[in-house]
PDB file of N, CA and C in Angstrom:
ATOM      1  N   MET A   1      25.078 -13.803  -6.341  1.00  0.00           N
ATOM      2  CA  MET A   1      24.112 -14.783  -6.551  1.00  0.00           C
ATOM      3  C   MET A   1      22.713 -14.124  -6.624  1.00  0.00           C
ATOM      4  N   ALA A   2      21.886 -14.608  -7.687  1.00  0.00           N
ATOM      5  CA  ALA A   2      20.643 -13.954  -8.049  1.00  0.00           C
ATOM      6  C   ALA A   2      19.561 -14.744  -6.983  1.00  0.00           C
ATOM      7  N   GLN A   3      18.629 -13.848  -6.694  1.00  0.00           N
ATOM      8  CA  GLN A   3      17.542 -14.281  -6.057  1.00  0.00           C
ATOM      9  C   GLN A   3      16.348 -13.416  -6.233  1.00  0.00           C
ATOM     10  N   ARG A   4      15.160 -13.860  -6.207  1.00  0.00           N
ATOM     11  CA  ARG A   4      14.026 -13.019  -6.330  1.00  0.00           C
ATOM     12  C   ARG A   4      12.835 -13.434  -5.393  1.00  0.00           C
ATOM     13  N   GLU A   5      12.020 -12.499  -5.041  1.00  0.00           N
ATOM     14  CA  GLU A   5      10.898 -12.740  -4.106  1.00  0.00           C
ATOM     15  C   GLU A   5       9.904 -13.696  -4.838  1.00  0.00           C
ATOM     16  N   ARG A   6       9.287 -14.553  -4.194  1.00  0.00           N
ATOM     17  CA  ARG A   6       8.291 -15.513  -4.864  1.00  0.00           C
ATOM     18  C   ARG A   6       7.127 -14.651  -5.265  1.00  0.00           C
ATOM     19  N   GLU A   7       6.633 -13.594  -4.590  1.00  0.00           N
ATOM     20  CA  GLU A   7       5.452 -12.850  -5.146  1.00  0.00           C
ATOM     21  C   GLU A   7       5.718 -12.066  -6.254  1.00  0.00           C
ATOM     22  N   ASP A   8       7.022 -11.634  -6.430  1.00  0.00           N
ATOM     23  CA  ASP A   8       7.438 -10.839  -7.687  1.00  0.00           C
ATOM     24  C   ASP A   8       7.401 -11.904  -8.929  1.00  0.00           C
ATOM     25  N   ILE A   9       7.835 -13.167  -8.691  1.00  0.00           N
ATOM     26  CA  ILE A   9       7.818 -14.081  -9.823  1.00  0.00           C
ATOM     27  C   ILE A   9       6.281 -14.427 -10.115  1.00  0.00           C
ATOM     28  N   ARG A  10       5.451 -14.657  -9.148  1.00  0.00           N
ATOM     29  CA  ARG A  10       4.178 -14.949  -9.396  1.00  0.00           C
ATOM     30  C   ARG A  10       3.476 -13.929 -10.088  1.00  0.00           C
ATOM     31  N   ASN A  11       3.693 -12.486  -9.711  1.00  0.00           N
ATOM     32  CA  ASN A  11       3.066 -11.547 -10.376  1.00  0.00           C
ATOM     33  C   ASN A  11       3.588 -11.321 -11.766  1.00  0.00           C
ATOM     34  N   ALA A  12       4.845 -11.522 -12.138  1.00  0.00           N
ATOM     35  CA  ALA A  12       5.299 -11.407 -13.406  1.00  0.00           C
ATOM     36  C   ALA A  12       4.595 -12.469 -14.311  1.00  0.00           C
ATOM     37  N   LEU A  13       4.530 -13.602 -13.881  1.00  0.00           N
ATOM     38  CA  LEU A  13       4.088 -14.862 -14.656  1.00  0.00           C
ATOM     39  C   LEU A  13       2.556 -14.564 -14.951  1.00  0.00           C
ATOM     40  N   CYS A  14       1.820 -14.102 -13.907  1.00  0.00           N
ATOM     41  CA  CYS A  14       0.409 -13.913 -14.173  1.00  0.00           C
ATOM     42  C   CYS A  14       0.040 -12.671 -15.099  1.00  0.00           C
ATOM     43  N   GLN A  15       0.948 -11.698 -14.986  1.00  0.00           N
ATOM     44  CA  GLN A  15       0.822 -10.556 -15.921  1.00  0.00           C
ATOM     45  C   GLN A  15       1.254 -10.691 -17.343  1.00  0.00           C
ATOM     46  N   LYS A  16       1.888 -11.813 -17.529  1.00  0.00           N
ATOM     47  CA  LYS A  16       2.577 -12.010 -18.819  1.00  0.00           C
ATOM     48  C   LYS A  16       2.063 -13.395 -19.530  1.00  0.00           C
ATOM     49  N   GLY A  17       0.725 -13.792 -19.273  1.00  0.00           N
ATOM     50  CA  GLY A  17       0.144 -14.732 -20.037  1.00  0.00           C
ATOM     51  C   GLY A  17       0.033 -16.062 -19.487  1.00  0.00           C
ATOM     52  N   PHE A  18       0.672 -16.259 -18.206  1.00  0.00           N
ATOM     53  CA  PHE A  18       0.663 -17.594 -17.576  1.00  0.00           C
ATOM     54  C   PHE A  18      -0.734 -17.803 -16.609  1.00  0.00           C
ATOM     55  N   ARG A  19      -1.199 -18.944 -16.771  1.00  0.00           N
ATOM     56  CA  ARG A  19      -2.291 -19.308 -16.018  1.00  0.00           C
ATOM     57  C   ARG A  19      -1.856 -19.901 -14.676  1.00  0.00           C
ATOM     58  N   GLU A  20      -2.401 -19.448 -13.499  1.00  0.00           N
ATOM     59  CA  GLU A  20      -1.948 -20.036 -12.313  1.00  0.00           C
ATOM     60  C   GLU A  20      -2.938 -21.038 -11.718  1.00  0.00           C
ATOM     61  N   ASP A  21      -2.567 -22.193 -11.476  1.00  0.00           N
ATOM     62  CA  ASP A  21      -3.344 -23.326 -10.817  1.00  0.00           C
ATOM     63  C   ASP A  21      -2.641 -23.507  -9.397  1.00  0.00           C
ATOM     64  N   ASN A  22      -3.721 -23.483  -8.495  1.00  0.00           N
ATOM     65  CA  ASN A  22      -3.155 -23.431  -7.051  1.00  0.00           C
ATOM     66  C   ASN A  22      -3.572 -24.732  -6.456  1.00  0.00           C
ATOM     67  N   ASN A  23      -2.531 -25.593  -6.343  1.00  0.00           N
ATOM     68  CA  ASN A  23      -2.709 -26.834  -5.680  1.00  0.00           C
ATOM     69  C   ASN A  23      -1.730 -26.954  -4.620  1.00  0.00           C
ATOM     70  N   ASP A  24      -0.847 -28.101  -4.496  1.00  0.00           N
ATOM     71  CA  ASP A  24       0.184 -28.330  -3.553  1.00  0.00           C
ATOM     72  C   ASP A  24       1.304 -27.376  -3.802  1.00  0.00           C
ATOM     73  N   HIS A  25       1.513 -26.891  -5.076  1.00  0.00           N
ATOM     74  CA  HIS A  25       2.420 -25.718  -5.381  1.00  0.00           C
ATOM     75  C   HIS A  25       1.601 -24.847  -6.302  1.00  0.00           C
ATOM     76  N   TYR A  26       2.252 -23.737  -6.616  1.00  0.00           N
ATOM     77  CA  TYR A  26       1.495 -22.892  -7.648  1.00  0.00           C
ATOM     78  C   TYR A  26       2.167 -23.366  -8.995  1.00  0.00           C
ATOM     79  N   TYR A  27       1.279 -23.718  -9.871  1.00  0.00           N
ATOM     80  CA  TYR A  27       1.747 -24.162 -11.210  1.00  0.00           C
ATOM     81  C   TYR A  27       1.220 -23.104 -12.190  1.00  0.00           C
ATOM     82  N   TYR A  28       2.029 -22.860 -13.250  1.00  0.00           N
ATOM     83  CA  TYR A  28       1.908 -21.869 -14.192  1.00  0.00           C
ATOM     84  C   TYR A  28       2.120 -22.526 -15.653  1.00  0.00           C
ATOM     85  N   THR A  29       1.170 -22.358 -16.420  1.00  0.00           N
ATOM     86  CA  THR A  29       1.129 -22.797 -17.817  1.00  0.00           C
ATOM     87  C   THR A  29       0.839 -21.587 -18.640  1.00  0.00           C
ATOM     88  N   LEU A  30       1.755 -21.472 -19.749  1.00  0.00           N
ATOM     89  CA  LEU A  30       1.541 -20.227 -20.777  1.00  0.00           C
ATOM     90  C   LEU A  30       0.307 -20.534 -21.584  1.00  0.00           C
ATOM     91  N   ILE A  31      -0.383 -19.549 -21.708  1.00  0.00           N
ATOM     92  CA  ILE A  31      -1.588 -19.668 -22.554  1.00  0.00           C
ATOM     93  C   ILE A  31      -1.270 -18.589 -23.727  1.00  0.00           C
ATOM     94  N   TYR A  32      -1.304 -19.242 -25.019  1.00  0.00           N
ATOM     95  CA  TYR A  32      -1.092 -18.391 -26.082  1.00  0.00           C
ATOM     96  C   TYR A  32      -2.069 -18.622 -27.230  1.00  0.00           C
ATOM     97  N   ASN A  33      -2.660 -17.571 -27.805  1.00  0.00           N
ATOM     98  CA  ASN A  33      -3.770 -17.623 -28.697  1.00  0.00           C
ATOM     99  C   ASN A  33      -4.923 -18.443 -28.157  1.00  0.00           C
ATOM    100  N   ASN A  34      -5.365 -18.273 -26.881  1.00  0.00           N
ATOM    101  CA  ASN A  34      -6.252 -18.979 -26.135  1.00  0.00           C
ATOM    102  C   ASN A  34      -6.072 -20.595 -26.034  1.00  0.00           C
ATOM    103  N   GLN A  35      -4.919 -20.964 -26.286  1.00  0.00           N
ATOM    104  CA  GLN A  35      -4.507 -22.456 -26.219  1.00  0.00           C
ATOM    105  C   GLN A  35      -3.342 -22.697 -25.129  1.00  0.00           C
ATOM    106  N   VAL A  36      -3.514 -23.787 -24.521  1.00  0.00           N
ATOM    107  CA  VAL A  36      -2.528 -24.162 -23.523  1.00  0.00           C
ATOM    108  C   VAL A  36      -1.284 -24.490 -24.224  1.00  0.00           C
ATOM    109  N   THR A  37      -0.063 -24.030 -23.933  1.00  0.00           N
ATOM    110  CA  THR A  37       1.230 -24.562 -24.431  1.00  0.00           C
ATOM    111  C   THR A  37       1.797 -25.422 -23.581  1.00  0.00           C
ATOM    112  N   SER A  38       3.000 -25.826 -24.028  1.00  0.00           N
ATOM    113  CA  SER A  38       3.857 -26.903 -23.121  1.00  0.00           C
ATOM    114  C   SER A  38       4.808 -26.104 -22.300  1.00  0.00           C
ATOM    115  N   ILE A  39       4.795 -24.800 -22.399  1.00  0.00           N
ATOM    116  CA  ILE A  39       5.694 -24.005 -21.408  1.00  0.00           C
ATOM    117  C   ILE A  39       4.937 -23.876 -20.176  1.00  0.00           C
ATOM    118  N   PHE A  40       5.712 -24.263 -19.165  1.00  0.00           N
ATOM    119  CA  PHE A  40       5.146 -24.413 -17.663  1.00  0.00           C
ATOM    120  C   PHE A  40       6.348 -24.265 -16.733  1.00  0.00           C
ATOM    121  N   THR A  41       5.983 -23.798 -15.449  1.00  0.00           N
ATOM    122  CA  THR A  41       6.911 -23.852 -14.378  1.00  0.00           C
ATOM    123  C   THR A  41       5.955 -24.074 -13.066  1.00  0.00           C
ATOM    124  N   LYS A  42       6.589 -24.157 -11.854  1.00  0.00           N
ATOM    125  CA  LYS A  42       5.943 -24.209 -10.613  1.00  0.00           C
ATOM    126  C   LYS A  42       6.839 -23.586  -9.608  1.00  0.00           C
ATOM    127  N   ILE A  43       5.987 -23.133  -8.529  1.00  0.00           N
ATOM    128  CA  ILE A  43       6.786 -22.578  -7.335  1.00  0.00           C
ATOM    129  C   ILE A  43       6.179 -23.063  -6.214  1.00  0.00           C
ATOM    130  N   SER A  44       6.969 -23.314  -5.179  1.00  0.00           N
ATOM    131  CA  SER A  44       6.603 -23.989  -3.974  1.00  0.00           C
ATOM    132  C   SER A  44       5.835 -23.052  -3.025  1.00  0.00           C
ATOM    133  N   LYS A  45       4.940 -23.652  -2.243  1.00  0.00           N
ATOM    134  CA  LYS A  45       4.276 -22.674  -1.235  1.00  0.00           C
ATOM    135  C   LYS A  45       4.969 -22.755   0.084  1.00  0.00           C
ATOM    136  N   GLY A  46       5.996 -23.540   0.198  1.00  0.00           N
ATOM    137  CA  GLY A  46       6.645 -23.545   1.454  1.00  0.00           C
ATOM    138  C   GLY A  46       7.143 -22.271   1.980  1.00  0.00           C
ATOM    139  N   SER A  47       7.187 -22.130   3.314  1.00  0.00           N
ATOM    140  CA  SER A  47       7.527 -20.928   4.037  1.00  0.00           C
ATOM    141  C   SER A  47       8.988 -20.552   3.758  1.00  0.00           C
ATOM    142  N   LYS A  48       9.830 -21.591   3.477  1.00  0.00           N
ATOM    143  CA  LYS A  48      11.267 -21.350   3.234  1.00  0.00           C
ATOM    144  C   LYS A  48      11.644 -21.081   1.850  1.00  0.00           C
ATOM    145  N   TYR A  49      10.476 -20.949   1.026  1.00  0.00           N
ATOM    146  CA  TYR A  49      10.622 -20.454  -0.464  1.00  0.00           C
ATOM    147  C   TYR A  49      10.058 -19.090  -0.675  1.00  0.00           C
ATOM    148  N   LYS A  50       9.994 -18.266   0.313  1.00  0.00           N
ATOM    149  CA  LYS A  50       9.509 -16.806   0.059  1.00  0.00           C
ATOM    150  C   LYS A  50      10.395 -16.049  -0.830  1.00  0.00           C
ATOM    151  N   THR A  51      11.669 -16.403  -0.754  1.00  0.00           N
ATOM    152  CA  THR A  51      12.750 -15.986  -1.584  1.00  0.00           C
ATOM    153  C   THR A  51      13.290 -17.190  -2.357  1.00  0.00           C
ATOM    154  N   ILE A  52      13.384 -16.975  -3.634  1.00  0.00           N
ATOM    155  CA  ILE A  52      13.723 -18.099  -4.512  1.00  0.00           C
ATOM    156  C   ILE A  52      15.154 -17.886  -4.866  1.00  0.00           C
ATOM    157  N   GLN A  53      16.098 -18.711  -4.603  1.00  0.00           N
ATOM    158  CA  GLN A  53      17.471 -18.632  -4.867  1.00  0.00           C
ATOM    159  C   GLN A  53      17.941 -19.024  -6.289  1.00  0.00           C
ATOM    160  N   SER A  54      19.174 -18.794  -6.586  1.00  0.00           N
ATOM    161  CA  SER A  54      19.582 -19.014  -8.053  1.00  0.00           C
ATOM    162  C   SER A  54      19.407 -20.369  -8.471  1.00  0.00           C
ATOM    163  N   GLY A  55      19.613 -21.530  -7.863  1.00  0.00           N
ATOM    164  CA  GLY A  55      19.329 -22.673  -8.287  1.00  0.00           C
ATOM    165  C   GLY A  55      17.986 -23.001  -8.896  1.00  0.00           C
ATOM    166  N   LEU A  56      17.084 -22.625  -8.076  1.00  0.00           N
ATOM    167  CA  LEU A  56      15.537 -22.727  -8.531  1.00  0.00           C
ATOM    168  C   LEU A  56      15.352 -21.787  -9.734  1.00  0.00           C
ATOM    169  N   LEU A  57      15.838 -20.619  -9.551  1.00  0.00           N
ATOM    170  CA  LEU A  57      15.583 -19.674 -10.662  1.00  0.00           C
ATOM    171  C   LEU A  57      16.146 -20.194 -12.050  1.00  0.00           C
ATOM    172  N   SER A  58      17.331 -20.848 -11.889  1.00  0.00           N
ATOM    173  CA  SER A  58      17.920 -21.529 -13.093  1.00  0.00           C
ATOM    174  C   SER A  58      16.936 -22.708 -13.660  1.00  0.00           C
ATOM    175  N   LEU A  59      16.409 -23.533 -12.649  1.00  0.00           N
ATOM    176  CA  LEU A  59      15.575 -24.449 -13.216  1.00  0.00           C
ATOM    177  C   LEU A  59      14.226 -23.885 -13.926  1.00  0.00           C
ATOM    178  N   MET A  60      13.726 -22.818 -13.318  1.00  0.00           N
ATOM    179  CA  MET A  60      12.590 -22.224 -13.834  1.00  0.00           C
ATOM    180  C   MET A  60      12.905 -21.542 -15.288  1.00  0.00           C
ATOM    181  N   SER A  61      13.996 -20.979 -15.364  1.00  0.00           N
ATOM    182  CA  SER A  61      14.377 -20.378 -16.724  1.00  0.00           C
ATOM    183  C   SER A  61      14.515 -21.515 -17.704  1.00  0.00           C
ATOM    184  N   LYS A  62      14.887 -22.677 -17.497  1.00  0.00           N
ATOM    185  CA  LYS A  62      15.024 -23.686 -18.487  1.00  0.00           C
ATOM    186  C   LYS A  62      13.589 -24.081 -18.748  1.00  0.00           C
ATOM    187  N   GLN A  63      12.623 -24.224 -17.795  1.00  0.00           N
ATOM    188  CA  GLN A  63      11.359 -24.687 -17.974  1.00  0.00           C
ATOM    189  C   GLN A  63      10.735 -23.727 -19.010  1.00  0.00           C
ATOM    190  N   MET A  64      11.025 -22.390 -18.866  1.00  0.00           N
ATOM    191  CA  MET A  64      10.343 -21.345 -19.715  1.00  0.00           C
ATOM    192  C   MET A  64      11.033 -20.968 -20.913  1.00  0.00           C
ATOM    193  N   LYS A  65      12.205 -21.867 -21.170  1.00  0.00           N
ATOM    194  CA  LYS A  65      12.909 -21.809 -22.325  1.00  0.00           C
ATOM    195  C   LYS A  65      13.688 -20.439 -22.477  1.00  0.00           C
ATOM    196  N   LEU A  66      14.308 -20.041 -21.347  1.00  0.00           N
ATOM    197  CA  LEU A  66      15.001 -18.791 -21.438  1.00  0.00           C
ATOM    198  C   LEU A  66      16.391 -18.898 -20.775  1.00  0.00           C
ATOM    199  N   SER A  67      17.242 -18.096 -21.123  1.00  0.00           N
ATOM    200  CA  SER A  67      18.494 -18.025 -20.379  1.00  0.00           C
ATOM    201  C   SER A  67      18.335 -17.518 -18.912  1.00  0.00           C
ATOM    202  N   ASN A  68      19.235 -17.727 -18.040  1.00  0.00           N
ATOM    203  CA  ASN A  68      19.092 -17.153 -16.602  1.00  0.00           C
ATOM    204  C   ASN A  68      18.865 -15.606 -16.722  1.00  0.00           C
ATOM    205  N   LYS A  69      19.655 -14.766 -17.551  1.00  0.00           N
ATOM    206  CA  LYS A  69      19.529 -13.378 -17.660  1.00  0.00           C
ATOM    207  C   LYS A  69      18.211 -13.053 -18.155  1.00  0.00           C
ATOM    208  N   GLU A  70      17.634 -13.767 -19.230  1.00  0.00           N
ATOM    209  CA  GLU A  70      16.338 -13.416 -19.738  1.00  0.00           C
ATOM    210  C   GLU A  70      15.284 -13.620 -18.670  1.00  0.00           C
ATOM    211  N   PHE A  71      15.411 -14.736 -17.979  1.00  0.00           N
ATOM    212  CA  PHE A  71      14.372 -14.986 -17.024  1.00  0.00           C
ATOM    213  C   PHE A  71      14.336 -13.986 -15.972  1.00  0.00           C
ATOM    214  N   LEU A  72      15.527 -13.466 -15.460  1.00  0.00           N
ATOM    215  CA  LEU A  72      15.499 -12.345 -14.482  1.00  0.00           C
ATOM    216  C   LEU A  72      14.990 -11.081 -15.103  1.00  0.00           C
ATOM    217  N   ASP A  73      15.265 -10.783 -16.511  1.00  0.00           N
ATOM    218  CA  ASP A  73      14.693  -9.734 -17.063  1.00  0.00           C
ATOM    219  C   ASP A  73      13.207  -9.955 -17.262  1.00  0.00           C
ATOM    220  N   PHE A  74      12.646 -11.054 -17.432  1.00  0.00           N
ATOM    221  CA  PHE A  74      11.149 -11.467 -17.384  1.00  0.00           C
ATOM    222  C   PHE A  74      10.415 -11.011 -16.112  1.00  0.00           C
ATOM    223  N   ILE A  75      11.129 -11.484 -15.021  1.00  0.00           N
ATOM    224  CA  ILE A  75      10.613 -11.164 -13.695  1.00  0.00           C
ATOM    225  C   ILE A  75      10.763  -9.744 -13.347  1.00  0.00           C
ATOM    226  N   ASP A  76      11.688  -9.006 -13.771  1.00  0.00           N
ATOM    227  CA  ASP A  76      12.038  -7.600 -13.365  1.00  0.00           C
ATOM    228  C   ASP A  76      11.303  -6.657 -14.426  1.00  0.00           C
ATOM    229  N   CYS A  77      10.538  -7.314 -15.314  1.00  0.00           N
ATOM    230  CA  CYS A  77       9.707  -6.489 -16.311  1.00  0.00           C
ATOM    231  C   CYS A  77      10.698  -5.879 -17.368  1.00  0.00           C
ATOM    232  N   ASP A  78      11.740  -6.143 -17.565  1.00  0.00           N
ATOM    233  CA  ASP A  78      12.563  -5.732 -18.704  1.00  0.00           C
ATOM    234  C   ASP A  78      12.304  -6.466 -19.944  1.00  0.00           C
ATOM    235  N   LEU A  79      11.716  -7.710 -19.822  1.00  0.00           N
ATOM    236  CA  LEU A  79      11.444  -8.598 -20.903  1.00  0.00           C
ATOM    237  C   LEU A  79       9.712  -8.543 -20.898  1.00  0.00           C
ATOM    238  N   THR A  80       9.217  -8.029 -21.790  1.00  0.00           N
ATOM    239  CA  THR A  80       7.709  -7.927 -21.860  1.00  0.00           C
ATOM    240  C   THR A  80       7.067  -9.281 -22.309  1.00  0.00           C
ATOM    241  N   ASP A  81       5.908  -9.403 -22.070  1.00  0.00           N
ATOM    242  CA  ASP A  81       5.167 -10.481 -22.756  1.00  0.00           C
ATOM    243  C   ASP A  81       5.326 -10.564 -24.172  1.00  0.00           C
ATOM    244  N   ILE A  82       5.158  -9.564 -24.850  1.00  0.00           N
ATOM    245  CA  ILE A  82       5.249  -9.554 -26.285  1.00  0.00           C
ATOM    246  C   ILE A  82       6.601 -10.057 -26.731  1.00  0.00           C
ATOM    247  N   ASN A  83       7.755  -9.468 -26.197  1.00  0.00           N
ATOM    248  CA  ASN A  83       9.123  -9.988 -26.535  1.00  0.00           C
ATOM    249  C   ASN A  83       9.372 -11.389 -26.158  1.00  0.00           C
ATOM    250  N   TYR A  84       8.742 -11.866 -25.000  1.00  0.00           N
ATOM    251  CA  TYR A  84       8.847 -13.212 -24.667  1.00  0.00           C
ATOM    252  C   TYR A  84       8.430 -14.219 -25.688  1.00  0.00           C
ATOM    253  N   ILE A  85       7.098 -13.780 -26.058  1.00  0.00           N
ATOM    254  CA  ILE A  85       6.435 -14.635 -27.297  1.00  0.00           C
ATOM    255  C   ILE A  85       7.356 -14.616 -28.451  1.00  0.00           C
ATOM    256  N   LYS A  86       7.821 -13.359 -28.779  1.00  0.00           N
ATOM    257  CA  LYS A  86       8.616 -13.245 -29.995  1.00  0.00           C
ATOM    258  C   LYS A  86       9.906 -14.118 -29.893  1.00  0.00           C
ATOM    259  N   LEU A  87      10.696 -14.148 -28.686  1.00  0.00           N
ATOM    260  CA  LEU A  87      11.658 -15.163 -28.560  1.00  0.00           C
ATOM    261  C   LEU A  87      11.403 -16.466 -28.672  1.00  0.00           C
ATOM    262  N   LEU A  88      10.231 -16.854 -28.050  1.00  0.00           N
ATOM    263  CA  LEU A  88       9.815 -18.337 -28.332  1.00  0.00           C
ATOM    264  C   LEU A  88       9.493 -18.645 -29.697  1.00  0.00           C
ATOM    265  N   LYS A  89       9.045 -17.718 -30.452  1.00  0.00           N
ATOM    266  CA  LYS A  89       8.799 -17.914 -31.928  1.00  0.00           C
ATOM    267  C   LYS A  89      10.032 -18.082 -32.651  1.00  0.00           C
ATOM    268  N   GLU A  90      10.907 -17.075 -32.425  1.00  0.00           N
ATOM    269  CA  GLU A  90      12.292 -17.180 -33.026  1.00  0.00           C
ATOM    270  C   GLU A  90      12.971 -18.477 -32.946  1.00  0.00           C
ATOM    271  N   ARG A  91      12.895 -19.089 -31.667  1.00  0.00           N
ATOM    272  CA  ARG A  91      13.475 -20.371 -31.133  1.00  0.00           C
ATOM    273  C   ARG A  91      12.618 -21.574 -31.663  1.00  0.00           C
ATOM    274  N   LYS A  92      11.532 -21.202 -32.346  1.00  0.00           N
ATOM    275  CA  LYS A  92      10.615 -22.326 -32.940  1.00  0.00           C
ATOM    276  C   LYS A  92      10.095 -23.070 -31.921  1.00  0.00           C
ATOM    277  N   ILE A  93       9.822 -22.494 -30.736  1.00  0.00           N
ATOM    278  CA  ILE A  93       9.024 -23.228 -29.608  1.00  0.00           C
ATOM    279  C   ILE A  93       7.630 -22.981 -29.731  1.00  0.00           C
ATOM    280  N   LEU A  94       7.182 -21.810 -30.241  1.00  0.00           N
ATOM    281  CA  LEU A  94       5.776 -21.597 -30.614  1.00  0.00           C
ATOM    282  C   LEU A  94       5.761 -21.170 -32.083  1.00  0.00           C
ATOM    283  N   ARG A  95       4.524 -21.380 -32.513  1.00  0.00           N
ATOM    284  CA  ARG A  95       4.228 -20.932 -33.946  1.00  0.00           C
ATOM    285  C   ARG A  95       3.417 -19.785 -33.941  1.00  0.00           C
TER     286      ARG A  95
END
């Protein structure tokens, strides 16, 4: 069963082009070419969510238009920001 630490996910998102908005949850929106895109995800601030389990990781991967493996690669830095954008363009999600 896959799981990742919340801080590792937050760091990966912020380093790879997502803007963090800190409200009741941590909200992330992909910024591309200085424009806000429709790609988003969020992470709970709750103390029981310091480690994110596979169910939530799967939901986040869908929100980011990635497979589960691709999302884990994104978090673990095997999928770079450049390659992430390239994938989104190939899938015609971004232009």
